[in-house]
Amino acid sequence: MARLLTKALKEFDKEKEIRLKHALKSYQQGEITLMEAAEVAGVPLWEILEIVREKKIPMHYTLEDVEKDIKSV
């Protein structure tokens, strides 16, 4: 039972990492906003902001992005 749980947790971590990488790549390419990146990655906005800062990813958050994110909330 413990091995099954450990295996499931590892798979969950792999999937989360894949979602995060996809979200960051899409954000870097200007395809999605930070809010959308957070949603894709399955993390809160504050966490994606911290990850972007730690990875030194340039932030490009325009007025259009703000308006788009406000409308989606």
PDB file of N, CA and C in Angstrom:
ATOM      1  N   MET A   1       0.823  -1.195   0.000  1.00  0.00           N
ATOM      2  CA  MET A   1       0.000   0.000   0.000  1.00  0.00           C
ATOM      3  C   MET A   1       0.869   1.261   0.000  1.00  0.00           C
ATOM      4  N   ALA A   2       1.925   1.266   0.823  1.00  0.00           N
ATOM      5  CA  ALA A   2       2.800   2.428   0.899  1.00  0.00           C
ATOM      6  C   ALA A   2       3.521   2.661  -0.424  1.00  0.00           C
ATOM      7  N   ARG A   3       3.934   1.575  -1.080  1.00  0.00           N
ATOM      8  CA  ARG A   3       4.607   1.720  -2.381  1.00  0.00           C
ATOM      9  C   ARG A   3       3.666   2.309  -3.426  1.00  0.00           C
ATOM     10  N   LEU A   4       2.425   1.875  -3.381  1.00  0.00           N
ATOM     11  CA  LEU A   4       1.442   2.399  -4.324  1.00  0.00           C
ATOM     12  C   LEU A   4       1.227   3.888  -4.106  1.00  0.00           C
ATOM     13  N   LEU A   5       1.141   4.297  -2.863  1.00  0.00           N
ATOM     14  CA  LEU A   5       0.971   5.710  -2.531  1.00  0.00           C
ATOM     15  C   LEU A   5       2.193   6.512  -2.954  1.00  0.00           C
ATOM     16  N   THR A   6       3.378   5.987  -2.697  1.00  0.00           N
ATOM     17  CA  THR A   6       4.618   6.658  -3.098  1.00  0.00           C
ATOM     18  C   THR A   6       4.673   6.823  -4.607  1.00  0.00           C
ATOM     19  N   LYS A   7       4.307   5.773  -5.321  1.00  0.00           N
ATOM     20  CA  LYS A   7       4.308   5.830  -6.786  1.00  0.00           C
ATOM     21  C   LYS A   7       3.304   6.864  -7.291  1.00  0.00           C
ATOM     22  N   ALA A   8       2.135   6.903  -6.694  1.00  0.00           N
ATOM     23  CA  ALA A   8       1.101   7.869  -7.092  1.00  0.00           C
ATOM     24  C   ALA A   8       1.576   9.300  -6.842  1.00  0.00           C
ATOM     25  N   LEU A   9       2.236   9.528  -5.717  1.00  0.00           N
ATOM     26  CA  LEU A   9       2.747  10.866  -5.400  1.00  0.00           C
ATOM     27  C   LEU A   9       3.838  11.294  -6.371  1.00  0.00           C
ATOM     28  N   LYS A  10       4.699  10.355  -6.759  1.00  0.00           N
ATOM     29  CA  LYS A  10       5.744  10.668  -7.732  1.00  0.00           C
ATOM     30  C   LYS A  10       5.135  11.029  -9.076  1.00  0.00           C
ATOM     31  N   GLU A  11       4.118  10.293  -9.491  1.00  0.00           N
ATOM     32  CA  GLU A  11       3.438  10.588 -10.755  1.00  0.00           C
ATOM     33  C   GLU A  11       2.775  11.955 -10.699  1.00  0.00           C
ATOM     34  N   PHE A  12       2.156  12.275  -9.559  1.00  0.00           N
ATOM     35  CA  PHE A  12       1.518  13.575  -9.385  1.00  0.00           C
ATOM     36  C   PHE A  12       2.555  14.683  -9.490  1.00  0.00           C
ATOM     37  N   ASP A  13       3.713  14.507  -8.859  1.00  0.00           N
ATOM     38  CA  ASP A  13       4.779  15.500  -8.923  1.00  0.00           C
ATOM     39  C   ASP A  13       5.284  15.686 -10.352  1.00  0.00           C
ATOM     40  N   LYS A  14       5.406  14.585 -11.094  1.00  0.00           N
ATOM     41  CA  LYS A  14       5.847  14.670 -12.488  1.00  0.00           C
ATOM     42  C   LYS A  14       4.838  15.456 -13.320  1.00  0.00           C
ATOM     43  N   GLU A  15       3.564  15.171 -13.126  1.00  0.00           N
ATOM     44  CA  GLU A  15       2.525  15.874 -13.875  1.00  0.00           C
ATOM     45  C   GLU A  15       2.514  17.357 -13.524  1.00  0.00           C
ATOM     46  N   LYS A  16       2.685  17.672 -12.240  1.00  0.00           N
ATOM     47  CA  LYS A  16       2.718  19.076 -11.813  1.00  0.00           C
ATOM     48  C   LYS A  16       3.902  19.791 -12.453  1.00  0.00           C
ATOM     49  N   GLU A  17       5.058  19.143 -12.491  1.00  0.00           N
ATOM     50  CA  GLU A  17       6.252  19.727 -13.097  1.00  0.00           C
ATOM     51  C   GLU A  17       6.049  19.949 -14.594  1.00  0.00           C
ATOM     52  N   ILE A  18       5.419  19.018 -15.269  1.00  0.00           N
ATOM     53  CA  ILE A  18       5.135  19.164 -16.702  1.00  0.00           C
ATOM     54  C   ILE A  18       4.204  20.346 -16.934  1.00  0.00           C
ATOM     55  N   ARG A  19       3.150  20.455 -16.113  1.00  0.00           N
ATOM     56  CA  ARG A  19       2.214  21.585 -16.244  1.00  0.00           C
ATOM     57  C   ARG A  19       2.923  22.907 -15.992  1.00  0.00           C
ATOM     58  N   LEU A  20       3.798  22.945 -14.987  1.00  0.00           N
ATOM     59  CA  LEU A  20       4.526  24.168 -14.673  1.00  0.00           C
ATOM     60  C   LEU A  20       5.441  24.561 -15.828  1.00  0.00           C
ATOM     61  N   LYS A  21       6.186  23.614 -16.371  1.00  0.00           N
ATOM     62  CA  LYS A  21       7.080  23.912 -17.498  1.00  0.00           C
ATOM     63  C   LYS A  21       6.301  24.430 -18.697  1.00  0.00           C
ATOM     64  N   HIS A  22       5.167  23.806 -18.981  1.00  0.00           N
ATOM     65  CA  HIS A  22       4.327  24.253 -20.095  1.00  0.00           C
ATOM     66  C   HIS A  22       3.815  25.672 -19.852  1.00  0.00           C
ATOM     67  N   ALA A  23       3.371  25.936 -18.632  1.00  0.00           N
ATOM     68  CA  ALA A  23       2.849  27.257 -18.289  1.00  0.00           C
ATOM     69  C   ALA A  23       3.929  28.329 -18.430  1.00  0.00           C
ATOM     70  N   LEU A  24       5.122  28.048 -17.923  1.00  0.00           N
ATOM     71  CA  LEU A  24       6.206  29.026 -17.999  1.00  0.00           C
ATOM     72  C   LEU A  24       6.643  29.269 -19.436  1.00  0.00           C
ATOM     73  N   LYS A  25       6.714  28.211 -20.219  1.00  0.00           N
ATOM     74  CA  LYS A  25       7.087  28.369 -21.633  1.00  0.00           C
ATOM     75  C   LYS A  25       6.049  29.206 -22.374  1.00  0.00           C
ATOM     76  N   SER A  26       4.787  28.919 -22.150  1.00  0.00           N
ATOM     77  CA  SER A  26       3.717  29.677 -22.806  1.00  0.00           C
ATOM     78  C   SER A  26       3.742  31.138 -22.373  1.00  0.00           C
ATOM     79  N   TYR A  27       4.029  31.381 -21.086  1.00  0.00           N
ATOM     80  CA  TYR A  27       4.124  32.756 -20.598  1.00  0.00           C
ATOM     81  C   TYR A  27       5.305  33.472 -21.240  1.00  0.00           C
ATOM     82  N   GLN A  28       6.462  32.819 -21.293  1.00  0.00           N
ATOM     83  CA  GLN A  28       7.657  33.428 -21.878  1.00  0.00           C
ATOM     84  C   GLN A  28       7.449  33.774 -23.347  1.00  0.00           C
ATOM     85  N   GLN A  29       6.654  32.973 -24.037  1.00  0.00           N
ATOM     86  CA  GLN A  29       6.399  33.206 -25.456  1.00  0.00           C
ATOM     87  C   GLN A  29       5.270  34.210 -25.680  1.00  0.00           C
ATOM     88  N   GLY A  30       4.693  34.721 -24.586  1.00  0.00           N
ATOM     89  CA  GLY A  30       3.641  35.725 -24.694  1.00  0.00           C
ATOM     90  C   GLY A  30       2.292  35.169 -25.088  1.00  0.00           C
ATOM     91  N   GLU A  31       2.136  33.861 -24.967  1.00  0.00           N
ATOM     92  CA  GLU A  31       0.883  33.224 -25.368  1.00  0.00           C
ATOM     93  C   GLU A  31      -0.199  33.340 -24.299  1.00  0.00           C
ATOM     94  N   ILE A  32       0.228  33.442 -23.031  1.00  0.00           N
ATOM     95  CA  ILE A  32      -0.716  33.521 -21.915  1.00  0.00           C
ATOM     96  C   ILE A  32      -0.221  34.538 -20.892  1.00  0.00           C
ATOM     97  N   THR A  33      -1.129  35.002 -20.041  1.00  0.00           N
ATOM     98  CA  THR A  33      -0.777  35.942 -18.980  1.00  0.00           C
ATOM     99  C   THR A  33      -0.265  35.168 -17.763  1.00  0.00           C
ATOM    100  N   LEU A  34       0.206  35.913 -16.775  1.00  0.00           N
ATOM    101  CA  LEU A  34       0.651  35.271 -15.534  1.00  0.00           C
ATOM    102  C   LEU A  34      -0.495  34.546 -14.843  1.00  0.00           C
ATOM    103  N   MET A  35      -1.666  35.160 -14.834  1.00  0.00           N
ATOM    104  CA  MET A  35      -2.831  34.534 -14.215  1.00  0.00           C
ATOM    105  C   MET A  35      -3.158  33.218 -14.922  1.00  0.00           C
ATOM    106  N   GLU A  36      -3.124  33.242 -16.237  1.00  0.00           N
ATOM    107  CA  GLU A  36      -3.386  32.020 -17.002  1.00  0.00           C
ATOM    108  C   GLU A  36      -2.295  30.980 -16.766  1.00  0.00           C
ATOM    109  N   ALA A  37      -1.050  31.431 -16.645  1.00  0.00           N
ATOM    110  CA  ALA A  37       0.058  30.511 -16.356  1.00  0.00           C
ATOM    111  C   ALA A  37      -0.163  29.827 -15.005  1.00  0.00           C
ATOM    112  N   ALA A  38      -0.615  30.600 -14.036  1.00  0.00           N
ATOM    113  CA  ALA A  38      -0.902  30.028 -12.721  1.00  0.00           C
ATOM    114  C   ALA A  38      -1.994  28.971 -12.824  1.00  0.00           C
ATOM    115  N   GLU A  39      -3.027  29.259 -13.596  1.00  0.00           N
ATOM    116  CA  GLU A  39      -4.124  28.303 -13.768  1.00  0.00           C
ATOM    117  C   GLU A  39      -3.641  27.033 -14.456  1.00  0.00           C
ATOM    118  N   VAL A  40      -2.848  27.180 -15.518  1.00  0.00           N
ATOM    119  CA  VAL A  40      -2.318  26.017 -16.236  1.00  0.00           C
ATOM    120  C   VAL A  40      -1.446  25.170 -15.311  1.00  0.00           C
ATOM    121  N   ALA A  41      -0.613  25.833 -14.514  1.00  0.00           N
ATOM    122  CA  ALA A  41       0.294  25.125 -13.617  1.00  0.00           C
ATOM    123  C   ALA A  41      -0.427  24.558 -12.396  1.00  0.00           C
ATOM    124  N   GLY A  42      -1.620  25.073 -12.126  1.00  0.00           N
ATOM    125  CA  GLY A  42      -2.368  24.603 -10.966  1.00  0.00           C
ATOM    126  C   GLY A  42      -1.832  25.146  -9.649  1.00  0.00           C
ATOM    127  N   VAL A  43      -1.313  26.384  -9.712  1.00  0.00           N
ATOM    128  CA  VAL A  43      -0.772  27.034  -8.516  1.00  0.00           C
ATOM    129  C   VAL A  43      -1.405  28.414  -8.370  1.00  0.00           C
ATOM    130  N   PRO A  44      -1.368  28.974  -7.161  1.00  0.00           N
ATOM    131  CA  PRO A  44      -1.890  30.332  -6.980  1.00  0.00           C
ATOM    132  C   PRO A  44      -1.013  31.363  -7.685  1.00  0.00           C
ATOM    133  N   LEU A  45      -1.593  32.514  -7.969  1.00  0.00           N
ATOM    134  CA  LEU A  45      -0.859  33.577  -8.657  1.00  0.00           C
ATOM    135  C   LEU A  45       0.410  33.955  -7.920  1.00  0.00           C
ATOM    136  N   TRP A  46       0.354  34.087  -6.581  1.00  0.00           N
ATOM    137  CA  TRP A  46       1.551  34.478  -5.821  1.00  0.00           C
ATOM    138  C   TRP A  46       2.679  33.476  -6.023  1.00  0.00           C
ATOM    139  N   GLU A  47       2.329  32.191  -6.181  1.00  0.00           N
ATOM    140  CA  GLU A  47       3.364  31.169  -6.349  1.00  0.00           C
ATOM    141  C   GLU A  47       4.011  31.261  -7.729  1.00  0.00           C
ATOM    142  N   ILE A  48       3.214  31.493  -8.759  1.00  0.00           N
ATOM    143  CA  ILE A  48       3.795  31.611 -10.099  1.00  0.00           C
ATOM    144  C   ILE A  48       4.663  32.871 -10.173  1.00  0.00           C
ATOM    145  N   LEU A  49       4.256  33.932  -9.470  1.00  0.00           N
ATOM    146  CA  LEU A  49       5.077  35.147  -9.422  1.00  0.00           C
ATOM    147  C   LEU A  49       6.437  34.847  -8.781  1.00  0.00           C
ATOM    148  N   GLU A  50       6.427  34.081  -7.714  1.00  0.00           N
ATOM    149  CA  GLU A  50       7.662  33.710  -7.030  1.00  0.00           C
ATOM    150  C   GLU A  50       8.544  32.842  -7.932  1.00  0.00           C
ATOM    151  N   ILE A  51       7.937  31.897  -8.633  1.00  0.00           N
ATOM    152  CA  ILE A  51       8.695  31.011  -9.535  1.00  0.00           C
ATOM    153  C   ILE A  51       9.321  31.816 -10.673  1.00  0.00           C
ATOM    154  N   VAL A  52       8.542  32.730 -11.242  1.00  0.00           N
ATOM    155  CA  VAL A  52       9.051  33.577 -12.326  1.00  0.00           C
ATOM    156  C   VAL A  52      10.241  34.408 -11.827  1.00  0.00           C
ATOM    157  N   ARG A  53      10.115  34.949 -10.621  1.00  0.00           N
ATOM    158  CA  ARG A  53      11.202  35.748 -10.045  1.00  0.00           C
ATOM    159  C   ARG A  53      12.439  34.883  -9.806  1.00  0.00           C
ATOM    160  N   GLU A  54      12.253  33.705  -9.213  1.00  0.00           N
ATOM    161  CA  GLU A  54      13.383  32.815  -8.919  1.00  0.00           C
ATOM    162  C   GLU A  54      14.101  32.370 -10.185  1.00  0.00           C
ATOM    163  N   LYS A  55      13.342  32.120 -11.245  1.00  0.00           N
ATOM    164  CA  LYS A  55      13.939  31.646 -12.497  1.00  0.00           C
ATOM    165  C   LYS A  55      14.413  32.797 -13.377  1.00  0.00           C
ATOM    166  N   LYS A  56      14.247  34.023 -12.857  1.00  0.00           N
ATOM    167  CA  LYS A  56      14.673  35.233 -13.568  1.00  0.00           C
ATOM    168  C   LYS A  56      14.038  35.335 -14.955  1.00  0.00           C
ATOM    169  N   ILE A  57      12.773  34.986 -15.028  1.00  0.00           N
ATOM    170  CA  ILE A  57      12.022  35.109 -16.275  1.00  0.00           C
ATOM    171  C   ILE A  57      11.508  36.541 -16.364  1.00  0.00           C
ATOM    172  N   PRO A  58      11.808  37.237 -17.452  1.00  0.00           N
ATOM    173  CA  PRO A  58      11.343  38.621 -17.580  1.00  0.00           C
ATOM    174  C   PRO A  58       9.816  38.697 -17.506  1.00  0.00           C
ATOM    175  N   MET A  59       9.355  39.676 -16.740  1.00  0.00           N
ATOM    176  CA  MET A  59       7.912  39.858 -16.603  1.00  0.00           C
ATOM    177  C   MET A  59       7.454  40.858 -17.664  1.00  0.00           C
ATOM    178  N   HIS A  60       6.487  40.465 -18.413  1.00  0.00           N
ATOM    179  CA  HIS A  60       5.895  41.333 -19.422  1.00  0.00           C
ATOM    180  C   HIS A  60       4.385  41.332 -19.186  1.00  0.00           C
ATOM    181  N   TYR A  61       3.987  42.199 -18.291  1.00  0.00           N
ATOM    182  CA  TYR A  61       2.588  42.254 -17.883  1.00  0.00           C
ATOM    183  C   TYR A  61       2.032  43.597 -18.316  1.00  0.00           C
ATOM    184  N   THR A  62       1.260  43.585 -19.387  1.00  0.00           N
ATOM    185  CA  THR A  62       0.748  44.818 -19.971  1.00  0.00           C
ATOM    186  C   THR A  62      -0.612  45.187 -19.377  1.00  0.00           C
ATOM    187  N   LEU A  63      -1.068  46.377 -19.707  1.00  0.00           N
ATOM    188  CA  LEU A  63      -2.395  46.814 -19.286  1.00  0.00           C
ATOM    189  C   LEU A  63      -3.459  45.871 -19.862  1.00  0.00           C
ATOM    190  N   GLU A  64      -3.258  45.415 -21.078  1.00  0.00           N
ATOM    191  CA  GLU A  64      -4.189  44.450 -21.681  1.00  0.00           C
ATOM    192  C   GLU A  64      -4.244  43.162 -20.870  1.00  0.00           C
ATOM    193  N   ASP A  65      -3.086  42.708 -20.391  1.00  0.00           N
ATOM    194  CA  ASP A  65      -3.044  41.498 -19.572  1.00  0.00           C
ATOM    195  C   ASP A  65      -3.833  41.692 -18.277  1.00  0.00           C
ATOM    196  N   VAL A  66      -3.655  42.845 -17.653  1.00  0.00           N
ATOM    197  CA  VAL A  66      -4.379  43.142 -16.411  1.00  0.00           C
ATOM    198  C   VAL A  66      -5.880  43.109 -16.668  1.00  0.00           C
ATOM    199  N   GLU A  67      -6.313  43.795 -17.735  1.00  0.00           N
ATOM    200  CA  GLU A  67      -7.742  43.831 -18.061  1.00  0.00           C
ATOM    201  C   GLU A  67      -8.277  42.430 -18.348  1.00  0.00           C
ATOM    202  N   LYS A  68      -7.511  41.637 -19.074  1.00  0.00           N
ATOM    203  CA  LYS A  68      -7.915  40.270 -19.400  1.00  0.00           C
ATOM    204  C   LYS A  68      -8.049  39.440 -18.137  1.00  0.00           C
ATOM    205  N   ASP A  69      -7.082  39.576 -17.225  1.00  0.00           N
ATOM    206  CA  ASP A  69      -7.131  38.801 -15.981  1.00  0.00           C
ATOM    207  C   ASP A  69      -8.289  39.242 -15.094  1.00  0.00           C
ATOM    208  N   ILE A  70      -8.559  40.537 -15.050  1.00  0.00           N
ATOM    209  CA  ILE A  70      -9.678  41.027 -14.243  1.00  0.00           C
ATOM    210  C   ILE A  70     -11.006  40.478 -14.765  1.00  0.00           C
ATOM    211  N   LYS A  71     -11.153  40.434 -16.069  1.00  0.00           N
ATOM    212  CA  LYS A  71     -12.382  39.905 -16.658  1.00  0.00           C
ATOM    213  C   LYS A  71     -12.553  38.418 -16.395  1.00  0.00           C
ATOM    214  N   SER A  72     -11.440  37.702 -16.232  1.00  0.00           N
ATOM    215  CA  SER A  72     -11.533  36.245 -16.044  1.00  0.00           C
ATOM    216  C   SER A  72     -11.799  35.850 -14.602  1.00  0.00           C
ATOM    217  N   VAL A  73     -11.702  36.816 -13.693  1.00  0.00           N
ATOM    218  CA  VAL A  73     -11.922  36.489 -12.266  1.00  0.00           C
ATOM    219  C   VAL A  73     -13.359  36.496 -11.907  1.00  0.00           C
TER     220      VAL A  73
END
